[in-house]
Amino acid sequence: MTDKPTPTGIDHFVLTVENVERTCEFYETLGAEVVTFGDDRTAVQFGDQKINLHPADHRVAAYVAATPTPGSGDFCIVTETPIEAVLDHLDEEGIDVVTGPVERAGAVGTLTSVYVRDPDGNLVELGTYG
């Protein structure tokens, strides 16, 4: 019998998007760095994790979900910035808050979070611990 994998974290995940440039601009306003890798592929990076961006009109069968759909993501980005400052920044950038601040159960404790939607309609939670 073989040992089962021992996960240590999430390296990256993929979003299917309608417009890579517009998506990059949005995530840059949330503090991401835009990176290019591989065969001229694009990602937005937060610390040691990244979100790879696949254009909706470019499908490489071996590298995409069974039914990739823009706007089907729902995930949380952790920030050390106080939630009040996050709200101020979102307001300055003209990004509408869907809901929050609210308390949510995070992976390692309670988060105080606000929710926004990216250009494709993905639900993005911005949360802070403590």
N, C-alpha and C. Protein backbone atom coordinates (compact mmCIF):
# COMPACT_ATOMS: atom_id res chain seq x y z
N MET A 1 0.84 -1.19 0.00
CA MET A 1 0.00 0.00 0.00
C MET A 1 0.88 1.25 0.00
N THR A 2 0.54 2.21 -0.85
CA THR A 2 1.34 3.42 -0.95
C THR A 2 0.83 4.48 0.03
N ASP A 3 1.71 5.42 0.36
CA ASP A 3 1.31 6.54 1.22
C ASP A 3 0.44 7.50 0.43
N LYS A 4 -0.59 8.01 1.07
CA LYS A 4 -1.40 9.02 0.39
C LYS A 4 -0.66 10.36 0.45
N PRO A 5 -0.95 11.27 -0.47
CA PRO A 5 -0.28 12.57 -0.49
C PRO A 5 -0.49 13.33 0.81
N THR A 6 0.48 14.16 1.15
CA THR A 6 0.39 15.03 2.31
C THR A 6 0.33 16.47 1.82
N PRO A 7 -0.88 17.02 1.64
CA PRO A 7 -0.99 18.39 1.13
C PRO A 7 -0.39 19.40 2.09
N THR A 8 0.24 20.42 1.52
CA THR A 8 0.82 21.49 2.33
C THR A 8 0.24 22.86 2.00
N GLY A 9 -0.59 22.96 0.99
CA GLY A 9 -1.19 24.23 0.62
C GLY A 9 -1.65 24.21 -0.82
N ILE A 10 -2.16 25.34 -1.26
CA ILE A 10 -2.60 25.50 -2.65
C ILE A 10 -1.60 26.40 -3.36
N ASP A 11 -1.04 25.91 -4.44
CA ASP A 11 -0.06 26.66 -5.22
C ASP A 11 -0.76 27.66 -6.14
N HIS A 12 -1.74 27.16 -6.89
CA HIS A 12 -2.47 28.03 -7.82
C HIS A 12 -3.79 27.37 -8.18
N PHE A 13 -4.68 28.17 -8.72
CA PHE A 13 -5.88 27.65 -9.35
C PHE A 13 -6.10 28.45 -10.60
N VAL A 14 -7.08 28.05 -11.40
CA VAL A 14 -7.28 28.64 -12.71
C VAL A 14 -8.67 29.26 -12.80
N LEU A 15 -8.73 30.45 -13.38
CA LEU A 15 -10.01 31.07 -13.72
C LEU A 15 -10.09 31.17 -15.24
N THR A 16 -11.23 30.83 -15.77
CA THR A 16 -11.51 31.06 -17.18
C THR A 16 -12.13 32.44 -17.27
N VAL A 17 -11.56 33.30 -18.13
CA VAL A 17 -11.99 34.71 -18.18
C VAL A 17 -12.27 35.13 -19.63
N GLU A 18 -13.14 36.11 -19.77
CA GLU A 18 -13.47 36.66 -21.08
C GLU A 18 -12.35 37.57 -21.61
N ASN A 19 -11.72 38.35 -20.70
CA ASN A 19 -10.74 39.34 -21.13
C ASN A 19 -9.59 39.34 -20.12
N VAL A 20 -8.46 38.76 -20.49
CA VAL A 20 -7.33 38.61 -19.58
C VAL A 20 -6.83 39.97 -19.11
N GLU A 21 -6.70 40.94 -20.00
CA GLU A 21 -6.18 42.25 -19.62
C GLU A 21 -7.08 42.94 -18.60
N ARG A 22 -8.37 42.92 -18.82
CA ARG A 22 -9.32 43.55 -17.89
C ARG A 22 -9.27 42.85 -16.54
N THR A 23 -9.15 41.52 -16.55
CA THR A 23 -9.07 40.76 -15.31
C THR A 23 -7.79 41.11 -14.56
N CYS A 24 -6.68 41.23 -15.27
CA CYS A 24 -5.41 41.62 -14.63
C CYS A 24 -5.53 42.99 -13.97
N GLU A 25 -6.12 43.93 -14.67
CA GLU A 25 -6.30 45.27 -14.11
C GLU A 25 -7.10 45.23 -12.82
N PHE A 26 -8.17 44.44 -12.79
CA PHE A 26 -9.00 44.32 -11.59
C PHE A 26 -8.18 43.77 -10.43
N TYR A 27 -7.48 42.65 -10.65
CA TYR A 27 -6.74 42.04 -9.55
C TYR A 27 -5.53 42.87 -9.13
N GLU A 28 -4.98 43.66 -10.03
CA GLU A 28 -3.92 44.60 -9.64
C GLU A 28 -4.46 45.60 -8.62
N THR A 29 -5.72 46.03 -8.77
CA THR A 29 -6.29 46.96 -7.79
C THR A 29 -6.43 46.31 -6.42
N LEU A 30 -6.44 44.98 -6.37
CA LEU A 30 -6.51 44.26 -5.10
C LEU A 30 -5.13 43.88 -4.58
N GLY A 31 -4.08 44.34 -5.26
CA GLY A 31 -2.72 44.11 -4.79
C GLY A 31 -1.96 43.00 -5.47
N ALA A 32 -2.54 42.40 -6.50
CA ALA A 32 -1.86 41.31 -7.21
C ALA A 32 -0.76 41.85 -8.12
N GLU A 33 0.19 40.99 -8.40
CA GLU A 33 1.22 41.26 -9.40
C GLU A 33 0.90 40.41 -10.62
N VAL A 34 0.91 41.01 -11.80
CA VAL A 34 0.67 40.26 -13.03
C VAL A 34 1.98 39.61 -13.44
N VAL A 35 1.93 38.30 -13.71
CA VAL A 35 3.13 37.57 -14.12
C VAL A 35 2.84 36.82 -15.41
N THR A 36 3.87 36.68 -16.22
CA THR A 36 3.80 35.90 -17.45
C THR A 36 4.69 34.69 -17.27
N PHE A 37 4.24 33.53 -17.73
CA PHE A 37 5.01 32.30 -17.55
C PHE A 37 4.73 31.37 -18.71
N GLY A 38 5.51 30.29 -18.78
CA GLY A 38 5.30 29.27 -19.81
C GLY A 38 5.24 29.83 -21.20
N ASP A 39 4.28 29.37 -21.98
CA ASP A 39 4.11 29.80 -23.36
C ASP A 39 3.27 31.06 -23.43
N ASP A 40 3.79 32.16 -22.85
CA ASP A 40 3.12 33.47 -22.85
C ASP A 40 1.76 33.41 -22.15
N ARG A 41 1.70 32.64 -21.05
CA ARG A 41 0.49 32.56 -20.25
C ARG A 41 0.54 33.63 -19.18
N THR A 42 -0.63 33.98 -18.65
CA THR A 42 -0.73 35.07 -17.69
C THR A 42 -1.36 34.59 -16.40
N ALA A 43 -0.87 35.16 -15.29
CA ALA A 43 -1.44 34.88 -13.97
C ALA A 43 -1.39 36.15 -13.15
N VAL A 44 -2.18 36.17 -12.09
CA VAL A 44 -2.07 37.22 -11.08
C VAL A 44 -1.59 36.52 -9.81
N GLN A 45 -0.59 37.13 -9.17
CA GLN A 45 0.06 36.48 -8.05
C GLN A 45 -0.16 37.29 -6.78
N PHE A 46 -0.51 36.58 -5.70
CA PHE A 46 -0.66 37.14 -4.36
C PHE A 46 0.30 36.39 -3.46
N GLY A 47 1.42 37.02 -3.09
CA GLY A 47 2.39 36.32 -2.25
C GLY A 47 2.92 35.09 -2.95
N ASP A 48 2.78 33.94 -2.30
CA ASP A 48 3.30 32.68 -2.85
C ASP A 48 2.26 31.91 -3.66
N GLN A 49 1.08 32.47 -3.86
CA GLN A 49 0.04 31.79 -4.62
C GLN A 49 -0.31 32.61 -5.85
N LYS A 50 -0.86 31.92 -6.84
CA LYS A 50 -1.26 32.65 -8.04
C LYS A 50 -2.54 32.07 -8.61
N ILE A 51 -3.16 32.90 -9.43
CA ILE A 51 -4.35 32.51 -10.17
C ILE A 51 -3.98 32.57 -11.64
N ASN A 52 -3.94 31.41 -12.30
CA ASN A 52 -3.68 31.38 -13.74
C ASN A 52 -4.95 31.79 -14.46
N LEU A 53 -4.79 32.55 -15.52
CA LEU A 53 -5.93 33.06 -16.28
C LEU A 53 -5.97 32.40 -17.65
N HIS A 54 -7.06 31.69 -17.93
CA HIS A 54 -7.25 31.07 -19.23
C HIS A 54 -8.32 31.84 -19.99
N PRO A 55 -8.00 32.34 -21.18
CA PRO A 55 -9.03 33.00 -21.98
C PRO A 55 -10.14 32.01 -22.35
N ALA A 56 -11.38 32.46 -22.26
CA ALA A 56 -12.53 31.59 -22.54
C ALA A 56 -12.51 31.05 -23.96
N ASP A 57 -11.94 31.81 -24.89
CA ASP A 57 -11.94 31.39 -26.29
C ASP A 57 -10.72 30.56 -26.68
N HIS A 58 -9.89 30.17 -25.70
CA HIS A 58 -8.68 29.39 -25.99
C HIS A 58 -8.68 28.16 -25.09
N ARG A 59 -9.05 27.04 -25.65
CA ARG A 59 -9.16 25.83 -24.85
C ARG A 59 -8.09 24.81 -25.28
N VAL A 60 -7.32 24.40 -24.30
CA VAL A 60 -6.36 23.34 -24.50
C VAL A 60 -6.86 22.17 -23.65
N ALA A 61 -7.45 21.19 -24.29
CA ALA A 61 -8.21 20.13 -23.61
C ALA A 61 -7.51 19.52 -22.40
N ALA A 62 -6.22 19.31 -22.49
CA ALA A 62 -5.53 18.63 -21.39
C ALA A 62 -5.35 19.53 -20.16
N TYR A 63 -5.55 20.83 -20.31
CA TYR A 63 -5.23 21.76 -19.23
C TYR A 63 -6.41 22.56 -18.71
N VAL A 64 -7.63 22.17 -19.00
CA VAL A 64 -8.78 22.93 -18.50
C VAL A 64 -9.79 21.99 -17.85
N ALA A 65 -10.67 22.59 -17.06
CA ALA A 65 -11.75 21.83 -16.43
C ALA A 65 -12.68 21.28 -17.51
N ALA A 66 -13.54 20.37 -17.14
CA ALA A 66 -14.45 19.74 -18.10
C ALA A 66 -15.37 20.76 -18.76
N THR A 67 -15.84 21.73 -18.01
CA THR A 67 -16.73 22.76 -18.56
C THR A 67 -16.32 24.13 -18.03
N PRO A 68 -15.20 24.67 -18.49
CA PRO A 68 -14.72 25.96 -17.99
C PRO A 68 -15.71 27.07 -18.34
N THR A 69 -16.08 27.85 -17.34
CA THR A 69 -17.08 28.88 -17.51
C THR A 69 -16.65 30.16 -16.81
N PRO A 70 -16.55 31.28 -17.52
CA PRO A 70 -16.25 32.53 -16.85
C PRO A 70 -17.31 32.84 -15.79
N GLY A 71 -16.87 33.30 -14.65
CA GLY A 71 -17.79 33.71 -13.61
C GLY A 71 -18.24 32.62 -12.68
N SER A 72 -17.63 31.44 -12.74
CA SER A 72 -18.07 30.34 -11.88
C SER A 72 -17.21 30.18 -10.62
N GLY A 73 -16.24 31.08 -10.42
CA GLY A 73 -15.36 30.97 -9.26
C GLY A 73 -15.93 31.64 -8.02
N ASP A 74 -15.50 31.15 -6.88
CA ASP A 74 -15.91 31.67 -5.58
C ASP A 74 -14.77 31.35 -4.63
N PHE A 75 -13.98 32.35 -4.23
CA PHE A 75 -12.78 32.06 -3.45
C PHE A 75 -12.44 33.24 -2.56
N CYS A 76 -11.48 33.03 -1.66
CA CYS A 76 -11.09 34.05 -0.68
C CYS A 76 -9.62 34.40 -0.85
N ILE A 77 -9.35 35.69 -0.81
CA ILE A 77 -7.98 36.20 -0.78
C ILE A 77 -7.77 36.78 0.62
N VAL A 78 -6.75 36.30 1.32
CA VAL A 78 -6.46 36.76 2.67
C VAL A 78 -5.57 38.01 2.58
N THR A 79 -5.89 39.00 3.40
CA THR A 79 -5.10 40.22 3.46
C THR A 79 -4.77 40.56 4.90
N GLU A 80 -3.65 41.23 5.10
CA GLU A 80 -3.30 41.72 6.43
C GLU A 80 -3.83 43.13 6.65
N THR A 81 -4.36 43.74 5.61
CA THR A 81 -4.89 45.10 5.69
C THR A 81 -6.20 45.09 6.49
N PRO A 82 -6.36 46.00 7.44
CA PRO A 82 -7.62 46.06 8.19
C PRO A 82 -8.81 46.22 7.25
N ILE A 83 -9.91 45.57 7.58
CA ILE A 83 -11.05 45.53 6.67
C ILE A 83 -11.60 46.92 6.37
N GLU A 84 -11.50 47.85 7.31
CA GLU A 84 -11.96 49.22 7.06
C GLU A 84 -11.14 49.87 5.95
N ALA A 85 -9.83 49.63 5.95
CA ALA A 85 -8.96 50.16 4.90
C ALA A 85 -9.26 49.48 3.56
N VAL A 86 -9.58 48.19 3.59
CA VAL A 86 -9.97 47.49 2.36
C VAL A 86 -11.23 48.13 1.79
N LEU A 87 -12.21 48.39 2.65
CA LEU A 87 -13.45 49.04 2.20
C LEU A 87 -13.17 50.41 1.59
N ASP A 88 -12.31 51.19 2.24
CA ASP A 88 -11.96 52.51 1.71
C ASP A 88 -11.32 52.38 0.33
N HIS A 89 -10.41 51.42 0.18
CA HIS A 89 -9.72 51.22 -1.10
C HIS A 89 -10.71 50.81 -2.20
N LEU A 90 -11.60 49.87 -1.87
CA LEU A 90 -12.60 49.44 -2.85
C LEU A 90 -13.46 50.61 -3.30
N ASP A 91 -13.85 51.46 -2.35
CA ASP A 91 -14.65 52.64 -2.66
C ASP A 91 -13.87 53.58 -3.59
N GLU A 92 -12.61 53.82 -3.28
CA GLU A 92 -11.77 54.69 -4.13
C GLU A 92 -11.63 54.15 -5.54
N GLU A 93 -11.59 52.81 -5.68
CA GLU A 93 -11.43 52.18 -6.99
C GLU A 93 -12.77 51.98 -7.71
N GLY A 94 -13.87 52.33 -7.04
CA GLY A 94 -15.19 52.17 -7.67
C GLY A 94 -15.64 50.72 -7.76
N ILE A 95 -15.15 49.89 -6.85
CA ILE A 95 -15.53 48.47 -6.84
C ILE A 95 -16.66 48.30 -5.83
N ASP A 96 -17.80 47.83 -6.31
CA ASP A 96 -18.97 47.63 -5.46
C ASP A 96 -18.77 46.45 -4.53
N VAL A 97 -19.17 46.63 -3.28
CA VAL A 97 -19.14 45.54 -2.30
C VAL A 97 -20.48 44.81 -2.37
N VAL A 98 -20.43 43.50 -2.55
CA VAL A 98 -21.63 42.68 -2.61
C VAL A 98 -22.23 42.55 -1.22
N THR A 99 -21.38 42.24 -0.25
CA THR A 99 -21.81 42.16 1.15
C THR A 99 -20.59 42.28 2.05
N GLY A 100 -20.85 42.65 3.29
CA GLY A 100 -19.80 42.73 4.28
C GLY A 100 -19.61 44.14 4.79
N PRO A 101 -18.84 44.22 5.85
CA PRO A 101 -18.04 43.16 6.45
C PRO A 101 -18.91 42.17 7.25
N VAL A 102 -18.49 40.91 7.17
CA VAL A 102 -19.15 39.81 7.88
C VAL A 102 -18.07 38.89 8.42
N GLU A 103 -18.41 38.11 9.45
CA GLU A 103 -17.49 37.11 9.98
C GLU A 103 -17.75 35.79 9.27
N ARG A 104 -16.67 35.13 8.88
CA ARG A 104 -16.75 33.85 8.18
C ARG A 104 -15.72 32.90 8.76
N ALA A 105 -15.96 31.62 8.59
CA ALA A 105 -15.01 30.60 9.02
C ALA A 105 -13.96 30.43 7.94
N GLY A 106 -12.72 30.76 8.26
CA GLY A 106 -11.61 30.58 7.33
C GLY A 106 -10.92 29.25 7.59
N ALA A 107 -9.85 29.01 6.88
CA ALA A 107 -9.12 27.75 7.01
C ALA A 107 -8.44 27.60 8.37
N VAL A 108 -8.04 28.72 8.99
CA VAL A 108 -7.31 28.64 10.26
C VAL A 108 -7.92 29.51 11.35
N GLY A 109 -9.16 29.92 11.17
CA GLY A 109 -9.82 30.74 12.18
C GLY A 109 -10.91 31.59 11.58
N THR A 110 -11.34 32.59 12.34
CA THR A 110 -12.41 33.47 11.91
C THR A 110 -11.86 34.62 11.08
N LEU A 111 -12.46 34.85 9.93
CA LEU A 111 -12.12 35.95 9.04
C LEU A 111 -13.17 37.05 9.16
N THR A 112 -12.75 38.28 9.03
CA THR A 112 -13.68 39.37 8.78
C THR A 112 -13.53 39.67 7.30
N SER A 113 -14.64 39.58 6.56
CA SER A 113 -14.57 39.59 5.10
C SER A 113 -15.55 40.54 4.45
N VAL A 114 -15.18 40.98 3.26
CA VAL A 114 -16.08 41.66 2.34
C VAL A 114 -16.03 40.89 1.03
N TYR A 115 -17.12 40.98 0.28
CA TYR A 115 -17.24 40.25 -0.98
C TYR A 115 -17.43 41.22 -2.13
N VAL A 116 -16.71 40.96 -3.23
CA VAL A 116 -16.84 41.75 -4.46
C VAL A 116 -16.93 40.78 -5.63
N ARG A 117 -17.24 41.30 -6.79
CA ARG A 117 -17.24 40.48 -8.01
C ARG A 117 -16.18 41.03 -8.96
N ASP A 118 -15.45 40.11 -9.59
CA ASP A 118 -14.47 40.52 -10.59
C ASP A 118 -15.18 40.77 -11.92
N PRO A 119 -14.46 41.18 -12.96
CA PRO A 119 -15.11 41.51 -14.24
C PRO A 119 -15.93 40.37 -14.86
N ASP A 120 -15.60 39.11 -14.53
CA ASP A 120 -16.36 37.99 -15.07
C ASP A 120 -17.50 37.55 -14.17
N GLY A 121 -17.62 38.17 -12.99
CA GLY A 121 -18.68 37.81 -12.07
C GLY A 121 -18.28 36.81 -11.01
N ASN A 122 -16.99 36.42 -10.96
CA ASN A 122 -16.53 35.54 -9.90
C ASN A 122 -16.70 36.25 -8.56
N LEU A 123 -17.10 35.51 -7.53
CA LEU A 123 -17.26 36.07 -6.19
C LEU A 123 -15.92 36.00 -5.48
N VAL A 124 -15.39 37.17 -5.12
CA VAL A 124 -14.08 37.27 -4.49
C VAL A 124 -14.26 37.77 -3.06
N GLU A 125 -13.89 36.94 -2.12
CA GLU A 125 -13.93 37.30 -0.71
C GLU A 125 -12.56 37.87 -0.35
N LEU A 126 -12.54 39.01 0.29
CA LEU A 126 -11.32 39.61 0.81
C LEU A 126 -11.43 39.54 2.32
N GLY A 127 -10.57 38.74 2.94
CA GLY A 127 -10.72 38.50 4.36
C GLY A 127 -9.45 38.73 5.15
N THR A 128 -9.63 39.12 6.41
CA THR A 128 -8.50 39.32 7.29
C THR A 128 -8.74 38.56 8.59
N TYR A 129 -7.69 37.93 9.09
CA TYR A 129 -7.75 37.22 10.37
C TYR A 129 -7.47 38.19 11.50
N GLY A 130 -8.09 37.93 12.63
CA GLY A 130 -7.77 38.69 13.84
C GLY A 130 -8.47 39.95 13.95
